[in-house]
């Protein structure tokens, strides 16, 4: 169950940068900040639950890896962030590192 909590923590980790991005627009400033705070709290709660069984270094790396990769993809798909072969290679390296930590745990 700890890995399910960690996956949820990583997915919620994607939400708070999106909320902060929404807060850049005057019309969605308050709701964007509220969304960011909600996702931060949910992400932290699930990370805390996961760390009861998963080592801190592994859980933190997996958590941030899911958050970084997911936020990158949201940025590309939703916000039109720039892409390049090098940026996708970086994404692949993040995923490979997270998978290695999971397999070595």
N, C-alpha and C. Protein backbone atom coordinates (compact mmCIF):
# COMPACT_ATOMS: atom_id res chain seq x y z
N UNK A 1 0.81 -1.19 0.00
CA UNK A 1 0.00 0.00 0.00
C UNK A 1 0.86 1.26 0.00
N UNK A 2 2.08 1.17 0.55
CA UNK A 2 2.97 2.33 0.63
C UNK A 2 3.31 2.85 -0.76
N UNK A 3 3.47 1.95 -1.73
CA UNK A 3 3.79 2.40 -3.09
C UNK A 3 2.59 3.07 -3.74
N UNK A 4 1.39 2.65 -3.39
CA UNK A 4 0.19 3.34 -3.88
C UNK A 4 0.15 4.75 -3.31
N UNK A 5 0.43 4.88 -2.00
CA UNK A 5 0.49 6.20 -1.39
C UNK A 5 1.55 7.08 -2.08
N UNK A 6 2.67 6.48 -2.39
CA UNK A 6 3.75 7.26 -3.02
C UNK A 6 3.35 7.68 -4.43
N UNK A 7 2.70 6.81 -5.15
CA UNK A 7 2.21 7.18 -6.49
C UNK A 7 1.21 8.33 -6.39
N UNK A 8 0.29 8.24 -5.44
CA UNK A 8 -0.68 9.32 -5.23
C UNK A 8 0.02 10.62 -4.84
N UNK A 9 1.02 10.51 -3.97
CA UNK A 9 1.78 11.70 -3.57
C UNK A 9 2.43 12.36 -4.78
N UNK A 10 3.01 11.54 -5.65
CA UNK A 10 3.64 12.08 -6.85
C UNK A 10 2.64 12.72 -7.80
N UNK A 11 1.48 12.11 -7.93
CA UNK A 11 0.46 12.68 -8.82
C UNK A 11 -0.08 14.00 -8.25
N UNK A 12 -0.28 14.05 -6.94
CA UNK A 12 -0.71 15.31 -6.32
C UNK A 12 0.39 16.37 -6.41
N UNK A 13 1.63 15.93 -6.45
CA UNK A 13 2.76 16.85 -6.58
C UNK A 13 2.69 17.64 -7.89
N UNK A 14 2.08 17.06 -8.90
CA UNK A 14 1.91 17.74 -10.19
C UNK A 14 0.93 18.91 -10.06
N UNK A 15 -0.02 18.80 -9.16
CA UNK A 15 -1.10 19.78 -9.07
C UNK A 15 -0.68 21.14 -8.56
N UNK A 16 0.28 21.19 -7.64
CA UNK A 16 0.57 22.50 -7.07
C UNK A 16 1.32 23.44 -8.02
N UNK A 17 2.26 22.99 -8.85
CA UNK A 17 2.83 23.92 -9.82
C UNK A 17 1.79 24.40 -10.84
N UNK A 18 0.84 23.53 -11.16
CA UNK A 18 -0.25 23.94 -12.07
C UNK A 18 -1.09 25.02 -11.41
N UNK A 19 -1.39 24.86 -10.12
CA UNK A 19 -2.12 25.89 -9.40
C UNK A 19 -1.37 27.21 -9.38
N UNK A 20 -0.05 27.14 -9.18
CA UNK A 20 0.74 28.38 -9.19
C UNK A 20 0.76 29.01 -10.58
N UNK A 21 0.77 28.19 -11.61
CA UNK A 21 0.70 28.72 -12.98
C UNK A 21 -0.64 29.41 -13.19
N UNK A 22 -1.71 28.80 -12.71
CA UNK A 22 -3.04 29.42 -12.81
C UNK A 22 -3.07 30.76 -12.07
N UNK A 23 -2.33 30.85 -10.97
CA UNK A 23 -2.33 32.06 -10.16
C UNK A 23 -1.61 33.22 -10.86
N UNK A 24 -0.93 32.96 -11.95
CA UNK A 24 -0.27 34.02 -12.71
C UNK A 24 -1.28 34.90 -13.45
N UNK A 25 -2.48 34.40 -13.63
CA UNK A 25 -3.54 35.14 -14.33
C UNK A 25 -4.46 35.77 -13.28
N UNK A 26 -4.74 37.07 -13.43
CA UNK A 26 -5.52 37.79 -12.42
C UNK A 26 -6.87 37.14 -12.13
N UNK A 27 -7.55 36.64 -13.16
CA UNK A 27 -8.89 36.07 -12.98
C UNK A 27 -8.88 34.77 -12.17
N UNK A 28 -7.77 34.07 -12.18
CA UNK A 28 -7.71 32.78 -11.47
C UNK A 28 -6.66 32.81 -10.35
N UNK A 29 -6.28 33.99 -9.91
CA UNK A 29 -5.22 34.10 -8.89
C UNK A 29 -5.60 33.40 -7.60
N UNK A 30 -6.75 33.73 -7.05
CA UNK A 30 -7.15 33.17 -5.75
C UNK A 30 -7.40 31.67 -5.88
N UNK A 31 -8.13 31.26 -6.90
CA UNK A 31 -8.40 29.82 -7.05
C UNK A 31 -7.11 29.06 -7.35
N UNK A 32 -6.20 29.67 -8.10
CA UNK A 32 -4.93 29.02 -8.38
C UNK A 32 -4.11 28.77 -7.13
N UNK A 33 -4.05 29.77 -6.25
CA UNK A 33 -3.32 29.61 -4.99
C UNK A 33 -4.02 28.57 -4.12
N UNK A 34 -5.35 28.59 -4.07
CA UNK A 34 -6.09 27.60 -3.29
C UNK A 34 -5.83 26.19 -3.81
N UNK A 35 -5.82 26.03 -5.13
CA UNK A 35 -5.53 24.73 -5.73
C UNK A 35 -4.12 24.29 -5.37
N UNK A 36 -3.16 25.20 -5.46
CA UNK A 36 -1.77 24.87 -5.13
C UNK A 36 -1.65 24.40 -3.68
N UNK A 37 -2.27 25.12 -2.77
CA UNK A 37 -2.19 24.76 -1.35
C UNK A 37 -2.85 23.40 -1.10
N UNK A 38 -4.01 23.15 -1.71
CA UNK A 38 -4.67 21.86 -1.55
C UNK A 38 -3.76 20.72 -2.03
N UNK A 39 -3.20 20.88 -3.23
CA UNK A 39 -2.36 19.81 -3.78
C UNK A 39 -1.08 19.63 -2.98
N UNK A 40 -0.51 20.72 -2.45
CA UNK A 40 0.67 20.59 -1.58
C UNK A 40 0.34 19.76 -0.35
N UNK A 41 -0.79 20.07 0.28
CA UNK A 41 -1.18 19.35 1.49
C UNK A 41 -1.45 17.87 1.20
N UNK A 42 -2.18 17.60 0.12
CA UNK A 42 -2.50 16.21 -0.23
C UNK A 42 -1.23 15.44 -0.57
N UNK A 43 -0.34 16.08 -1.33
CA UNK A 43 0.92 15.44 -1.70
C UNK A 43 1.75 15.12 -0.47
N UNK A 44 1.85 16.09 0.44
CA UNK A 44 2.61 15.87 1.67
C UNK A 44 2.02 14.78 2.54
N UNK A 45 0.70 14.73 2.63
CA UNK A 45 0.05 13.69 3.41
C UNK A 45 0.37 12.30 2.86
N UNK A 46 0.23 12.12 1.56
CA UNK A 46 0.50 10.80 0.98
C UNK A 46 1.98 10.44 1.04
N UNK A 47 2.86 11.44 0.93
CA UNK A 47 4.30 11.16 1.08
C UNK A 47 4.58 10.71 2.51
N UNK A 48 3.97 11.36 3.47
CA UNK A 48 4.14 10.97 4.87
C UNK A 48 3.68 9.53 5.10
N UNK A 49 2.53 9.18 4.52
CA UNK A 49 2.03 7.81 4.65
C UNK A 49 2.98 6.81 4.00
N UNK A 50 3.50 7.15 2.84
CA UNK A 50 4.40 6.24 2.13
C UNK A 50 5.71 6.03 2.88
N UNK A 51 6.20 7.08 3.54
CA UNK A 51 7.49 6.99 4.22
C UNK A 51 7.45 6.14 5.48
N UNK A 52 6.28 5.69 5.87
CA UNK A 52 6.22 4.77 6.99
C UNK A 52 6.86 3.44 6.63
N UNK A 53 6.88 3.10 5.32
CA UNK A 53 7.44 1.81 4.89
C UNK A 53 8.55 1.94 3.87
N UNK A 54 8.62 3.05 3.16
CA UNK A 54 9.61 3.22 2.10
C UNK A 54 10.71 4.14 2.62
N UNK A 55 11.99 3.79 2.39
CA UNK A 55 13.08 4.65 2.86
C UNK A 55 12.94 6.08 2.35
N UNK A 56 13.36 7.04 3.16
CA UNK A 56 13.18 8.45 2.86
C UNK A 56 13.82 8.85 1.53
N UNK A 57 15.04 8.39 1.27
CA UNK A 57 15.72 8.76 0.04
C UNK A 57 15.00 8.26 -1.20
N UNK A 58 14.54 7.03 -1.13
CA UNK A 58 13.80 6.45 -2.25
C UNK A 58 12.46 7.14 -2.42
N UNK A 59 11.74 7.33 -1.34
CA UNK A 59 10.42 7.94 -1.46
C UNK A 59 10.52 9.38 -1.97
N UNK A 60 11.49 10.13 -1.49
CA UNK A 60 11.62 11.52 -1.94
C UNK A 60 12.00 11.59 -3.41
N UNK A 61 12.92 10.73 -3.84
CA UNK A 61 13.33 10.73 -5.24
C UNK A 61 12.18 10.33 -6.17
N UNK A 62 11.44 9.32 -5.78
CA UNK A 62 10.30 8.88 -6.60
C UNK A 62 9.24 9.98 -6.63
N UNK A 63 8.95 10.56 -5.48
CA UNK A 63 7.96 11.64 -5.37
C UNK A 63 8.31 12.82 -6.27
N UNK A 64 9.54 13.29 -6.15
CA UNK A 64 9.93 14.44 -6.98
C UNK A 64 10.05 14.05 -8.45
N UNK A 65 10.45 12.81 -8.73
CA UNK A 65 10.54 12.37 -10.12
C UNK A 65 9.19 12.35 -10.80
N UNK A 66 8.20 11.80 -10.11
CA UNK A 66 6.84 11.79 -10.67
C UNK A 66 6.35 13.22 -10.85
N UNK A 67 6.59 14.05 -9.85
CA UNK A 67 6.17 15.44 -9.94
C UNK A 67 6.86 16.19 -11.07
N UNK A 68 8.16 16.01 -11.21
CA UNK A 68 8.90 16.71 -12.26
C UNK A 68 8.49 16.24 -13.64
N UNK A 69 8.42 14.93 -13.83
CA UNK A 69 8.05 14.40 -15.14
C UNK A 69 6.61 14.77 -15.49
N UNK A 70 5.71 14.63 -14.53
CA UNK A 70 4.31 14.96 -14.78
C UNK A 70 4.10 16.43 -15.05
N UNK A 71 4.78 17.28 -14.30
CA UNK A 71 4.66 18.72 -14.52
C UNK A 71 5.23 19.12 -15.86
N UNK A 72 6.33 18.50 -16.26
CA UNK A 72 6.89 18.76 -17.58
C UNK A 72 5.87 18.42 -18.67
N UNK A 73 5.24 17.26 -18.55
CA UNK A 73 4.26 16.84 -19.56
C UNK A 73 3.04 17.75 -19.57
N UNK A 74 2.56 18.16 -18.40
CA UNK A 74 1.43 19.10 -18.35
C UNK A 74 1.83 20.42 -19.00
N UNK A 75 3.04 20.87 -18.74
CA UNK A 75 3.51 22.10 -19.34
C UNK A 75 3.54 22.03 -20.86
N UNK A 76 3.98 20.91 -21.38
CA UNK A 76 4.05 20.74 -22.84
C UNK A 76 2.64 20.62 -23.43
N UNK A 77 1.81 19.77 -22.83
CA UNK A 77 0.50 19.47 -23.39
C UNK A 77 -0.49 20.62 -23.19
N UNK A 78 -0.53 21.18 -21.99
CA UNK A 78 -1.55 22.18 -21.67
C UNK A 78 -1.08 23.61 -21.93
N UNK A 79 0.16 23.89 -21.59
CA UNK A 79 0.64 25.27 -21.66
C UNK A 79 1.55 25.56 -22.85
N UNK A 80 1.79 24.57 -23.67
CA UNK A 80 2.60 24.79 -24.87
C UNK A 80 4.07 25.08 -24.58
N UNK A 81 4.58 24.56 -23.48
CA UNK A 81 6.00 24.74 -23.16
C UNK A 81 6.86 24.16 -24.29
N UNK A 82 8.05 24.71 -24.48
CA UNK A 82 8.90 24.25 -25.58
C UNK A 82 9.37 22.81 -25.37
N UNK A 83 9.57 22.12 -26.45
CA UNK A 83 10.08 20.76 -26.41
C UNK A 83 11.29 20.63 -27.31
N UNK A 84 12.09 19.65 -27.03
CA UNK A 84 13.24 19.33 -27.85
C UNK A 84 13.64 17.90 -27.53
N UNK A 85 14.46 17.35 -28.35
CA UNK A 85 14.94 15.99 -28.10
C UNK A 85 15.67 15.93 -26.76
N UNK A 86 16.46 16.95 -26.47
CA UNK A 86 17.22 16.98 -25.21
C UNK A 86 16.28 17.02 -24.00
N UNK A 87 15.19 17.78 -24.09
CA UNK A 87 14.25 17.85 -22.97
C UNK A 87 13.56 16.50 -22.75
N UNK A 88 13.21 15.82 -23.84
CA UNK A 88 12.61 14.49 -23.70
C UNK A 88 13.63 13.48 -23.18
N UNK A 89 14.88 13.62 -23.57
CA UNK A 89 15.92 12.74 -23.04
C UNK A 89 16.05 12.95 -21.53
N UNK A 90 15.99 14.19 -21.09
CA UNK A 90 16.02 14.47 -19.65
C UNK A 90 14.87 13.80 -18.93
N UNK A 91 13.69 13.85 -19.54
CA UNK A 91 12.51 13.19 -18.96
C UNK A 91 12.74 11.68 -18.85
N UNK A 92 13.28 11.10 -19.90
CA UNK A 92 13.57 9.65 -19.89
C UNK A 92 14.57 9.32 -18.79
N UNK A 93 15.57 10.17 -18.59
CA UNK A 93 16.56 9.93 -17.54
C UNK A 93 15.93 10.01 -16.15
N UNK A 94 15.00 10.94 -15.96
CA UNK A 94 14.30 11.03 -14.68
C UNK A 94 13.51 9.74 -14.42
N UNK A 95 12.76 9.31 -15.41
CA UNK A 95 11.97 8.08 -15.26
C UNK A 95 12.87 6.87 -15.04
N UNK A 96 13.98 6.79 -15.75
CA UNK A 96 14.91 5.67 -15.57
C UNK A 96 15.50 5.68 -14.16
N UNK A 97 15.84 6.85 -13.65
CA UNK A 97 16.38 6.94 -12.31
C UNK A 97 15.37 6.52 -11.26
N UNK A 98 14.13 6.96 -11.42
CA UNK A 98 13.07 6.58 -10.48
C UNK A 98 12.83 5.08 -10.54
N UNK A 99 12.79 4.52 -11.74
CA UNK A 99 12.58 3.07 -11.87
C UNK A 99 13.72 2.30 -11.23
N UNK A 100 14.94 2.78 -11.38
CA UNK A 100 16.09 2.11 -10.77
C UNK A 100 15.98 2.13 -9.25
N UNK A 101 15.59 3.26 -8.69
CA UNK A 101 15.40 3.33 -7.24
C UNK A 101 14.32 2.38 -6.76
N UNK A 102 13.24 2.28 -7.52
CA UNK A 102 12.15 1.35 -7.15
C UNK A 102 12.63 -0.10 -7.19
N UNK A 103 13.35 -0.44 -8.26
CA UNK A 103 13.79 -1.82 -8.42
C UNK A 103 14.86 -2.21 -7.40
N UNK A 104 15.63 -1.23 -6.95
CA UNK A 104 16.71 -1.51 -6.00
C UNK A 104 16.22 -1.50 -4.55
N UNK A 105 14.98 -1.07 -4.33
CA UNK A 105 14.49 -0.97 -2.94
C UNK A 105 14.14 -2.31 -2.37
